[in-house]
Amino acid sequence: MNVIANIFFIVLLFVFQTTFLHSFTIMGVRPDIVLILTFFISVNLGEGRGAISGFTLGLIQDCLSSNLLGMNAFSKGIVGFIFGYLRDKIFFENTFSQFTFILLASLVDSVIISLIVFLTIPDKTQMAIVLNKLLLSSVYTTLVAPLFILIFRDKVVVFSKKRRRESAIK
């Protein structure tokens, strides 16, 4: 039953991101909720599950967009691995630190996507436009993150309890 609820939640997330968030587009950019969810999964479940979930969610995001297939899958998988690895080394419990590390995660995601775009787009004049949109998207994602922190905290609270029990065992 938990798997079905998680799949339903992820479907709702993508429906929300692809339909409702079009109303909140600023200068052609909207926040990346998939990145915020990847961050929360990786911080609560570790680098293995963070990388797998980031890759899977990014691949779904690639399939629903007109971007290069695999670009978001690769970048979200890397972000999931990095922040899953750092979960026991950095304090993620308060909102300010989560806000700060979501900005960092968004910037890492933007750098990876920028490198992929730089290597694949033959017209380098469009690179400046892509960089501006990615940086604006990072800032926008970070600014809306507190709202989604509250939403995902209720969804991910089960994982947090599991993590606390596992760290108490160590």
N, C-alpha and C. Protein backbone atom coordinates (compact mmCIF):
# COMPACT_ATOMS: atom_id res chain seq x y z
N MET A 1 0.82 -1.20 0.00
CA MET A 1 0.00 0.00 0.00
C MET A 1 0.86 1.27 0.00
N ASN A 2 1.99 1.22 0.72
CA ASN A 2 2.87 2.37 0.78
C ASN A 2 3.47 2.69 -0.59
N VAL A 3 3.77 1.66 -1.37
CA VAL A 3 4.31 1.86 -2.72
C VAL A 3 3.28 2.55 -3.60
N ILE A 4 2.04 2.14 -3.50
CA ILE A 4 0.97 2.75 -4.29
C ILE A 4 0.78 4.21 -3.88
N ALA A 5 0.85 4.49 -2.60
CA ALA A 5 0.72 5.88 -2.13
C ALA A 5 1.88 6.73 -2.63
N ASN A 6 3.09 6.18 -2.62
CA ASN A 6 4.24 6.93 -3.13
C ASN A 6 4.13 7.19 -4.62
N ILE A 7 3.70 6.20 -5.38
CA ILE A 7 3.52 6.39 -6.82
C ILE A 7 2.45 7.44 -7.08
N PHE A 8 1.36 7.39 -6.34
CA PHE A 8 0.30 8.37 -6.48
C PHE A 8 0.81 9.77 -6.17
N PHE A 9 1.61 9.89 -5.10
CA PHE A 9 2.19 11.19 -4.72
C PHE A 9 3.11 11.71 -5.82
N ILE A 10 3.92 10.86 -6.40
CA ILE A 10 4.85 11.28 -7.46
C ILE A 10 4.08 11.69 -8.71
N VAL A 11 3.02 10.96 -9.05
CA VAL A 11 2.18 11.34 -10.20
C VAL A 11 1.55 12.70 -9.95
N LEU A 12 1.05 12.92 -8.74
CA LEU A 12 0.48 14.23 -8.41
C LEU A 12 1.52 15.34 -8.50
N LEU A 13 2.73 15.04 -8.07
CA LEU A 13 3.81 16.01 -8.14
C LEU A 13 4.09 16.42 -9.59
N PHE A 14 4.17 15.44 -10.48
CA PHE A 14 4.44 15.77 -11.89
C PHE A 14 3.26 16.46 -12.55
N VAL A 15 2.04 16.09 -12.19
CA VAL A 15 0.88 16.79 -12.72
C VAL A 15 0.90 18.24 -12.25
N PHE A 16 1.22 18.45 -10.99
CA PHE A 16 1.31 19.80 -10.44
C PHE A 16 2.40 20.61 -11.13
N GLN A 17 3.57 20.00 -11.31
CA GLN A 17 4.68 20.72 -11.93
C GLN A 17 4.42 21.03 -13.40
N THR A 18 3.79 20.11 -14.12
CA THR A 18 3.61 20.34 -15.56
C THR A 18 2.36 21.15 -15.89
N THR A 19 1.41 21.26 -14.98
CA THR A 19 0.18 22.01 -15.30
C THR A 19 0.05 23.28 -14.47
N PHE A 20 -0.06 23.13 -13.18
CA PHE A 20 -0.36 24.26 -12.30
C PHE A 20 0.78 25.27 -12.24
N LEU A 21 2.01 24.82 -12.24
CA LEU A 21 3.14 25.73 -12.12
C LEU A 21 3.36 26.60 -13.35
N HIS A 22 2.71 26.29 -14.47
CA HIS A 22 2.81 27.16 -15.64
C HIS A 22 2.23 28.54 -15.33
N SER A 23 1.31 28.60 -14.37
CA SER A 23 0.74 29.89 -13.97
C SER A 23 1.73 30.74 -13.19
N PHE A 24 2.76 30.11 -12.64
CA PHE A 24 3.73 30.82 -11.82
C PHE A 24 5.08 30.95 -12.51
N THR A 25 5.08 30.98 -13.82
CA THR A 25 6.30 31.15 -14.58
C THR A 25 6.74 32.61 -14.53
N ILE A 26 8.01 32.81 -14.17
CA ILE A 26 8.59 34.15 -14.12
C ILE A 26 9.75 34.19 -15.11
N MET A 27 9.65 35.06 -16.08
CA MET A 27 10.67 35.21 -17.12
C MET A 27 11.00 33.87 -17.79
N GLY A 28 9.98 33.06 -18.02
CA GLY A 28 10.16 31.79 -18.70
C GLY A 28 10.68 30.67 -17.82
N VAL A 29 10.71 30.87 -16.51
CA VAL A 29 11.29 29.89 -15.59
C VAL A 29 10.27 29.56 -14.50
N ARG A 30 10.24 28.30 -14.11
CA ARG A 30 9.42 27.88 -12.97
C ARG A 30 10.28 27.02 -12.04
N PRO A 31 9.86 26.90 -10.79
CA PRO A 31 10.69 26.16 -9.83
C PRO A 31 10.76 24.67 -10.16
N ASP A 32 11.82 24.04 -9.72
CA ASP A 32 12.04 22.62 -9.97
C ASP A 32 11.68 21.82 -8.71
N ILE A 33 10.44 21.41 -8.62
CA ILE A 33 9.96 20.68 -7.45
C ILE A 33 10.59 19.29 -7.39
N VAL A 34 10.91 18.73 -8.53
CA VAL A 34 11.55 17.41 -8.57
C VAL A 34 12.91 17.47 -7.86
N LEU A 35 13.62 18.56 -8.03
CA LEU A 35 14.90 18.72 -7.35
C LEU A 35 14.70 18.79 -5.83
N ILE A 36 13.68 19.50 -5.38
CA ILE A 36 13.42 19.60 -3.94
C ILE A 36 13.06 18.22 -3.39
N LEU A 37 12.24 17.46 -4.11
CA LEU A 37 11.89 16.11 -3.65
C LEU A 37 13.12 15.20 -3.65
N THR A 38 13.95 15.30 -4.66
CA THR A 38 15.19 14.51 -4.71
C THR A 38 16.07 14.84 -3.51
N PHE A 39 16.17 16.11 -3.19
CA PHE A 39 16.94 16.54 -2.02
C PHE A 39 16.41 15.88 -0.75
N PHE A 40 15.10 15.92 -0.54
CA PHE A 40 14.52 15.35 0.67
C PHE A 40 14.68 13.83 0.74
N ILE A 41 14.50 13.18 -0.37
CA ILE A 41 14.67 11.72 -0.37
C ILE A 41 16.11 11.36 -0.05
N SER A 42 17.05 12.06 -0.66
CA SER A 42 18.46 11.72 -0.44
C SER A 42 18.90 12.04 0.98
N VAL A 43 18.44 13.14 1.54
CA VAL A 43 18.82 13.51 2.91
C VAL A 43 18.23 12.51 3.91
N ASN A 44 17.08 11.97 3.61
CA ASN A 44 16.43 11.06 4.55
C ASN A 44 16.77 9.59 4.32
N LEU A 45 17.15 9.21 3.11
CA LEU A 45 17.37 7.79 2.83
C LEU A 45 18.79 7.44 2.44
N GLY A 46 19.65 8.42 2.22
CA GLY A 46 21.05 8.12 1.91
C GLY A 46 21.37 8.21 0.43
N GLU A 47 22.66 8.00 0.15
CA GLU A 47 23.15 8.24 -1.21
C GLU A 47 22.64 7.23 -2.23
N GLY A 48 22.48 5.98 -1.85
CA GLY A 48 22.02 4.97 -2.81
C GLY A 48 20.61 5.24 -3.28
N ARG A 49 19.71 5.36 -2.33
CA ARG A 49 18.32 5.63 -2.69
C ARG A 49 18.15 7.03 -3.25
N GLY A 50 18.95 7.98 -2.76
CA GLY A 50 18.89 9.34 -3.30
C GLY A 50 19.29 9.38 -4.76
N ALA A 51 20.36 8.65 -5.11
CA ALA A 51 20.80 8.63 -6.51
C ALA A 51 19.78 7.92 -7.39
N ILE A 52 19.25 6.81 -6.92
CA ILE A 52 18.26 6.06 -7.71
C ILE A 52 16.99 6.87 -7.89
N SER A 53 16.50 7.46 -6.80
CA SER A 53 15.27 8.24 -6.92
C SER A 53 15.50 9.50 -7.76
N GLY A 54 16.66 10.15 -7.59
CA GLY A 54 16.96 11.32 -8.41
C GLY A 54 17.04 10.97 -9.87
N PHE A 55 17.69 9.85 -10.19
CA PHE A 55 17.78 9.41 -11.58
C PHE A 55 16.40 9.10 -12.14
N THR A 56 15.59 8.37 -11.36
CA THR A 56 14.26 7.98 -11.83
C THR A 56 13.35 9.20 -12.02
N LEU A 57 13.34 10.08 -11.02
CA LEU A 57 12.50 11.28 -11.13
C LEU A 57 12.99 12.18 -12.26
N GLY A 58 14.30 12.30 -12.42
CA GLY A 58 14.86 13.09 -13.52
C GLY A 58 14.53 12.50 -14.88
N LEU A 59 14.54 11.17 -14.97
CA LEU A 59 14.19 10.52 -16.24
C LEU A 59 12.73 10.75 -16.59
N ILE A 60 11.87 10.69 -15.59
CA ILE A 60 10.45 11.00 -15.83
C ILE A 60 10.31 12.45 -16.27
N GLN A 61 11.06 13.34 -15.62
CA GLN A 61 11.04 14.76 -16.00
C GLN A 61 11.53 14.96 -17.43
N ASP A 62 12.56 14.21 -17.82
CA ASP A 62 13.05 14.29 -19.19
C ASP A 62 12.01 13.80 -20.19
N CYS A 63 11.33 12.73 -19.86
CA CYS A 63 10.32 12.18 -20.77
C CYS A 63 9.14 13.12 -20.94
N LEU A 64 8.85 13.92 -19.92
CA LEU A 64 7.72 14.84 -19.99
C LEU A 64 8.09 16.20 -20.58
N SER A 65 9.37 16.43 -20.82
CA SER A 65 9.80 17.71 -21.39
C SER A 65 10.42 17.48 -22.75
N SER A 66 10.78 18.57 -23.38
CA SER A 66 11.40 18.46 -24.71
C SER A 66 12.91 18.58 -24.63
N ASN A 67 13.46 18.43 -23.43
CA ASN A 67 14.91 18.53 -23.26
C ASN A 67 15.61 17.27 -23.73
N LEU A 68 16.91 17.33 -23.73
CA LEU A 68 17.74 16.19 -24.08
C LEU A 68 17.47 15.06 -23.10
N LEU A 69 17.16 13.88 -23.60
CA LEU A 69 16.81 12.74 -22.75
C LEU A 69 18.03 12.32 -21.93
N GLY A 70 17.86 12.27 -20.63
CA GLY A 70 18.91 11.85 -19.73
C GLY A 70 19.61 12.99 -19.02
N MET A 71 19.38 14.21 -19.45
CA MET A 71 20.05 15.36 -18.86
C MET A 71 19.61 15.55 -17.40
N ASN A 72 18.31 15.61 -17.15
CA ASN A 72 17.81 15.76 -15.79
C ASN A 72 18.04 14.49 -14.98
N ALA A 73 17.96 13.34 -15.62
CA ALA A 73 18.20 12.08 -14.91
C ALA A 73 19.62 12.05 -14.36
N PHE A 74 20.58 12.44 -15.16
CA PHE A 74 21.97 12.45 -14.72
C PHE A 74 22.19 13.47 -13.61
N SER A 75 21.70 14.69 -13.82
CA SER A 75 21.95 15.75 -12.84
C SER A 75 21.23 15.48 -11.52
N LYS A 76 20.00 15.03 -11.57
CA LYS A 76 19.26 14.74 -10.32
C LYS A 76 19.85 13.52 -9.62
N GLY A 77 20.35 12.55 -10.38
CA GLY A 77 21.01 11.40 -9.76
C GLY A 77 22.28 11.80 -9.03
N ILE A 78 23.06 12.69 -9.63
CA ILE A 78 24.28 13.20 -8.98
C ILE A 78 23.93 13.98 -7.73
N VAL A 79 22.93 14.85 -7.82
CA VAL A 79 22.50 15.64 -6.66
C VAL A 79 22.01 14.71 -5.55
N GLY A 80 21.23 13.70 -5.91
CA GLY A 80 20.75 12.74 -4.92
C GLY A 80 21.88 12.01 -4.22
N PHE A 81 22.90 11.64 -4.99
CA PHE A 81 24.04 10.95 -4.40
C PHE A 81 24.83 11.87 -3.47
N ILE A 82 25.12 13.08 -3.93
CA ILE A 82 25.94 14.01 -3.13
C ILE A 82 25.27 14.33 -1.80
N PHE A 83 24.00 14.71 -1.83
CA PHE A 83 23.35 15.12 -0.59
C PHE A 83 22.94 13.92 0.26
N GLY A 84 22.77 12.77 -0.33
CA GLY A 84 22.59 11.55 0.46
C GLY A 84 23.86 11.16 1.19
N TYR A 85 24.99 11.37 0.52
CA TYR A 85 26.28 11.09 1.13
C TYR A 85 26.56 12.05 2.29
N LEU A 86 26.15 13.30 2.13
CA LEU A 86 26.40 14.33 3.14
C LEU A 86 25.41 14.31 4.30
N ARG A 87 24.41 13.46 4.26
CA ARG A 87 23.34 13.53 5.25
C ARG A 87 23.81 13.31 6.68
N ASP A 88 24.81 12.49 6.91
CA ASP A 88 25.31 12.27 8.26
C ASP A 88 26.45 13.21 8.62
N LYS A 89 26.92 13.98 7.67
CA LYS A 89 28.06 14.85 7.89
C LYS A 89 27.67 16.31 8.10
N ILE A 90 26.46 16.67 7.68
CA ILE A 90 25.99 18.05 7.77
C ILE A 90 24.63 18.05 8.45
N PHE A 91 24.37 19.07 9.22
CA PHE A 91 23.12 19.22 9.96
C PHE A 91 22.03 19.76 9.02
N PHE A 92 21.05 18.93 8.69
CA PHE A 92 19.97 19.32 7.78
C PHE A 92 18.64 19.56 8.49
N GLU A 93 18.62 19.51 9.80
CA GLU A 93 17.35 19.46 10.53
C GLU A 93 16.57 20.78 10.54
N ASN A 94 17.23 21.94 10.58
CA ASN A 94 16.46 23.17 10.64
C ASN A 94 16.16 23.71 9.24
N THR A 95 15.19 24.58 9.17
CA THR A 95 14.71 25.07 7.88
C THR A 95 15.76 25.91 7.16
N PHE A 96 16.52 26.70 7.90
CA PHE A 96 17.54 27.54 7.25
C PHE A 96 18.61 26.70 6.56
N SER A 97 19.07 25.64 7.23
CA SER A 97 20.10 24.80 6.60
C SER A 97 19.53 24.06 5.40
N GLN A 98 18.28 23.62 5.48
CA GLN A 98 17.66 22.97 4.33
C GLN A 98 17.52 23.96 3.18
N PHE A 99 17.12 25.17 3.50
CA PHE A 99 16.99 26.22 2.50
C PHE A 99 18.34 26.48 1.81
N THR A 100 19.40 26.57 2.61
CA THR A 100 20.74 26.82 2.09
C THR A 100 21.20 25.67 1.20
N PHE A 101 20.99 24.44 1.65
CA PHE A 101 21.46 23.29 0.88
C PHE A 101 20.59 23.01 -0.34
N ILE A 102 19.33 23.43 -0.32
CA ILE A 102 18.53 23.33 -1.54
C ILE A 102 19.08 24.30 -2.58
N LEU A 103 19.51 25.49 -2.15
CA LEU A 103 20.15 26.41 -3.08
C LEU A 103 21.43 25.79 -3.65
N LEU A 104 22.22 25.18 -2.80
CA LEU A 104 23.44 24.52 -3.25
C LEU A 104 23.12 23.36 -4.20
N ALA A 105 22.11 22.57 -3.86
CA ALA A 105 21.70 21.46 -4.73
C ALA A 105 21.22 21.96 -6.07
N SER A 106 20.48 23.06 -6.05
CA SER A 106 19.98 23.64 -7.29
C SER A 106 21.12 24.18 -8.15
N LEU A 107 22.11 24.76 -7.51
CA LEU A 107 23.27 25.25 -8.26
C LEU A 107 24.09 24.10 -8.84
N VAL A 108 24.26 23.02 -8.08
CA VAL A 108 24.96 21.84 -8.59
C VAL A 108 24.21 21.27 -9.79
N ASP A 109 22.89 21.18 -9.67
CA ASP A 109 22.05 20.71 -10.76
C ASP A 109 22.22 21.61 -11.99
N SER A 110 22.23 22.92 -11.77
CA SER A 110 22.38 23.87 -12.88
C SER A 110 23.75 23.77 -13.55
N VAL A 111 24.79 23.57 -12.76
CA VAL A 111 26.14 23.44 -13.32
C VAL A 111 26.23 22.18 -14.18
N ILE A 112 25.68 21.08 -13.70
CA ILE A 112 25.72 19.83 -14.47
C ILE A 112 24.95 19.98 -15.78
N ILE A 113 23.75 20.55 -15.69
CA ILE A 113 22.94 20.74 -16.90
C ILE A 113 23.64 21.71 -17.85
N SER A 114 24.28 22.76 -17.31
CA SER A 114 25.00 23.71 -18.16
C SER A 114 26.14 23.04 -18.91
N LEU A 115 26.86 22.18 -18.21
CA LEU A 115 27.95 21.46 -18.88
C LEU A 115 27.42 20.55 -19.99
N ILE A 116 26.33 19.87 -19.73
CA ILE A 116 25.74 19.00 -20.75
C ILE A 116 25.27 19.83 -21.95
N VAL A 117 24.60 20.95 -21.67
CA VAL A 117 24.12 21.81 -22.75
C VAL A 117 25.30 22.39 -23.53
N PHE A 118 26.34 22.79 -22.83
CA PHE A 118 27.53 23.34 -23.49
C PHE A 118 28.16 22.32 -24.44
N LEU A 119 28.16 21.07 -24.03
CA LEU A 119 28.76 20.03 -24.86
C LEU A 119 27.86 19.56 -26.00
N THR A 120 26.57 19.81 -25.89
CA THR A 120 25.65 19.28 -26.90
C THR A 120 25.07 20.32 -27.84
N ILE A 121 25.02 21.58 -27.43
CA ILE A 121 24.46 22.62 -28.29
C ILE A 121 25.58 23.21 -29.15
N PRO A 122 25.45 23.10 -30.46
CA PRO A 122 26.51 23.65 -31.32
C PRO A 122 26.51 25.17 -31.35
N ASP A 123 25.37 25.80 -31.13
CA ASP A 123 25.27 27.26 -31.17
C ASP A 123 25.60 27.82 -29.78
N LYS A 124 26.81 28.29 -29.59
CA LYS A 124 27.27 28.76 -28.28
C LYS A 124 26.64 30.08 -27.87
N THR A 125 26.02 30.80 -28.79
CA THR A 125 25.37 32.06 -28.42
C THR A 125 24.13 31.80 -27.56
N GLN A 126 23.52 30.64 -27.72
CA GLN A 126 22.37 30.29 -26.90
C GLN A 126 22.78 29.87 -25.49
N MET A 127 24.06 29.61 -25.28
CA MET A 127 24.54 29.17 -23.98
C MET A 127 24.30 30.22 -22.91
N ALA A 128 24.45 31.49 -23.23
CA ALA A 128 24.20 32.56 -22.26
C ALA A 128 22.74 32.58 -21.83
N ILE A 129 21.85 32.36 -22.78
CA ILE A 129 20.42 32.31 -22.46
C ILE A 129 20.13 31.14 -21.54
N VAL A 130 20.72 29.98 -21.84
CA VAL A 130 20.52 28.78 -21.01
C VAL A 130 21.06 29.01 -19.61
N LEU A 131 22.24 29.60 -19.50
CA LEU A 131 22.84 29.86 -18.18
C LEU A 131 21.98 30.81 -17.36
N ASN A 132 21.49 31.87 -17.98
CA ASN A 132 20.63 32.81 -17.27
C ASN A 132 19.36 32.13 -16.76
N LYS A 133 18.75 31.29 -17.60
CA LYS A 133 17.54 30.59 -17.18
C LYS A 133 17.83 29.59 -16.06
N LEU A 134 18.97 28.91 -16.14
CA LEU A 134 19.30 27.94 -15.09
C LEU A 134 19.58 28.63 -13.76
N LEU A 135 20.29 29.75 -13.80
CA LEU A 135 20.56 30.47 -12.56
C LEU A 135 19.29 31.07 -11.97
N LEU A 136 18.44 31.62 -12.82
CA LEU A 136 17.16 32.14 -12.36
C LEU A 136 16.30 31.01 -11.79
N SER A 137 16.34 29.86 -12.42
CA SER A 137 15.60 28.71 -11.92
C SER A 137 16.12 28.26 -10.55
N SER A 138 17.43 28.33 -10.35
CA SER A 138 18.01 27.97 -9.05
C SER A 138 17.50 28.90 -7.95
N VAL A 139 17.49 30.18 -8.24
CA VAL A 139 17.02 31.15 -7.25
C VAL A 139 15.53 30.96 -6.99
N TYR A 140 14.76 30.77 -8.04
CA TYR A 140 13.31 30.60 -7.91
C TYR A 140 13.00 29.31 -7.13
N THR A 141 13.70 28.24 -7.43
CA THR A 141 13.50 26.99 -6.71
C THR A 141 13.80 27.17 -5.23
N THR A 142 14.86 27.89 -4.93
CA THR A 142 15.23 28.13 -3.54
C THR A 142 14.20 28.98 -2.82
N LEU A 143 13.64 29.96 -3.50
CA LEU A 143 12.66 30.84 -2.87
C LEU A 143 11.35 30.14 -2.56
N VAL A 144 10.94 29.18 -3.39
CA VAL A 144 9.70 28.46 -3.12
C VAL A 144 9.93 27.20 -2.27
N ALA A 145 11.18 26.89 -2.01
CA ALA A 145 11.50 25.67 -1.24
C ALA A 145 10.84 25.62 0.13
N PRO A 146 10.76 26.72 0.90
CA PRO A 146 10.11 26.61 2.22
C PRO A 146 8.68 26.10 2.16
N LEU A 147 7.93 26.49 1.14
CA LEU A 147 6.57 26.00 0.98
C LEU A 147 6.57 24.48 0.77
N PHE A 148 7.45 24.01 -0.09
CA PHE A 148 7.51 22.59 -0.37
C PHE A 148 8.18 21.80 0.74
N ILE A 149 9.01 22.49 1.55
CA ILE A 149 9.57 21.83 2.73
C ILE A 149 8.44 21.41 3.64
N LEU A 150 7.46 22.29 3.83
CA LEU A 150 6.32 21.95 4.68
C LEU A 150 5.49 20.81 4.10
N ILE A 151 5.30 20.81 2.80
CA ILE A 151 4.52 19.75 2.14
C ILE A 151 5.26 18.42 2.21
N PHE A 152 6.55 18.41 1.85
CA PHE A 152 7.32 17.17 1.82
C PHE A 152 7.64 16.66 3.22
N ARG A 153 7.71 17.55 4.20
CA ARG A 153 8.02 17.11 5.56
C ARG A 153 6.97 16.13 6.04
N ASP A 154 5.69 16.40 5.73
CA ASP A 154 4.63 15.46 6.12
C ASP A 154 4.75 14.16 5.35
N LYS A 155 5.15 14.23 4.08
CA LYS A 155 5.27 13.03 3.26
C LYS A 155 6.51 12.22 3.63
N VAL A 156 7.58 12.90 4.00
CA VAL A 156 8.86 12.23 4.23
C VAL A 156 9.09 11.95 5.72
N VAL A 157 8.13 12.28 6.57
CA VAL A 157 8.31 12.08 8.00
C VAL A 157 8.54 10.61 8.35
N VAL A 158 7.95 9.70 7.59
CA VAL A 158 8.17 8.27 7.82
C VAL A 158 9.63 7.93 7.60
N PHE A 159 10.24 8.49 6.55
CA PHE A 159 11.65 8.22 6.27
C PHE A 159 12.54 8.81 7.36
N SER A 160 12.14 9.97 7.90
CA SER A 160 12.94 10.60 8.95
C SER A 160 12.96 9.74 10.20
N LYS A 161 11.82 9.18 10.55
CA LYS A 161 11.77 8.31 11.73
C LYS A 161 12.63 7.08 11.51
N LYS A 162 12.58 6.52 10.31
CA LYS A 162 13.41 5.36 10.00
C LYS A 162 14.88 5.72 10.10
N ARG A 163 15.25 6.88 9.60
CA ARG A 163 16.64 7.32 9.64
C ARG A 163 17.11 7.49 11.08
N ARG A 164 16.27 8.08 11.94
CA ARG A 164 16.67 8.28 13.32
C ARG A 164 16.87 6.94 14.02
N ARG A 165 16.01 5.97 13.73
CA ARG A 165 16.18 4.65 14.33
C ARG A 165 17.47 3.99 13.85
N GLU A 166 17.77 4.13 12.56
CA GLU A 166 18.99 3.53 12.02
C GLU A 166 20.22 4.19 12.60
N SER A 167 20.22 5.52 12.77
CA SER A 167 21.39 6.19 13.30
C SER A 167 21.55 5.91 14.80
N ALA A 168 20.46 5.60 15.50
CA ALA A 168 20.55 5.25 16.91
C ALA A 168 21.20 3.87 17.07
N ILE A 169 21.00 3.02 16.07
CA ILE A 169 21.57 1.67 16.11
C ILE A 169 23.07 1.71 15.92
N LYS A 170 23.57 2.63 15.10
CA LYS A 170 25.00 2.70 14.78
C LYS A 170 25.85 3.03 15.96
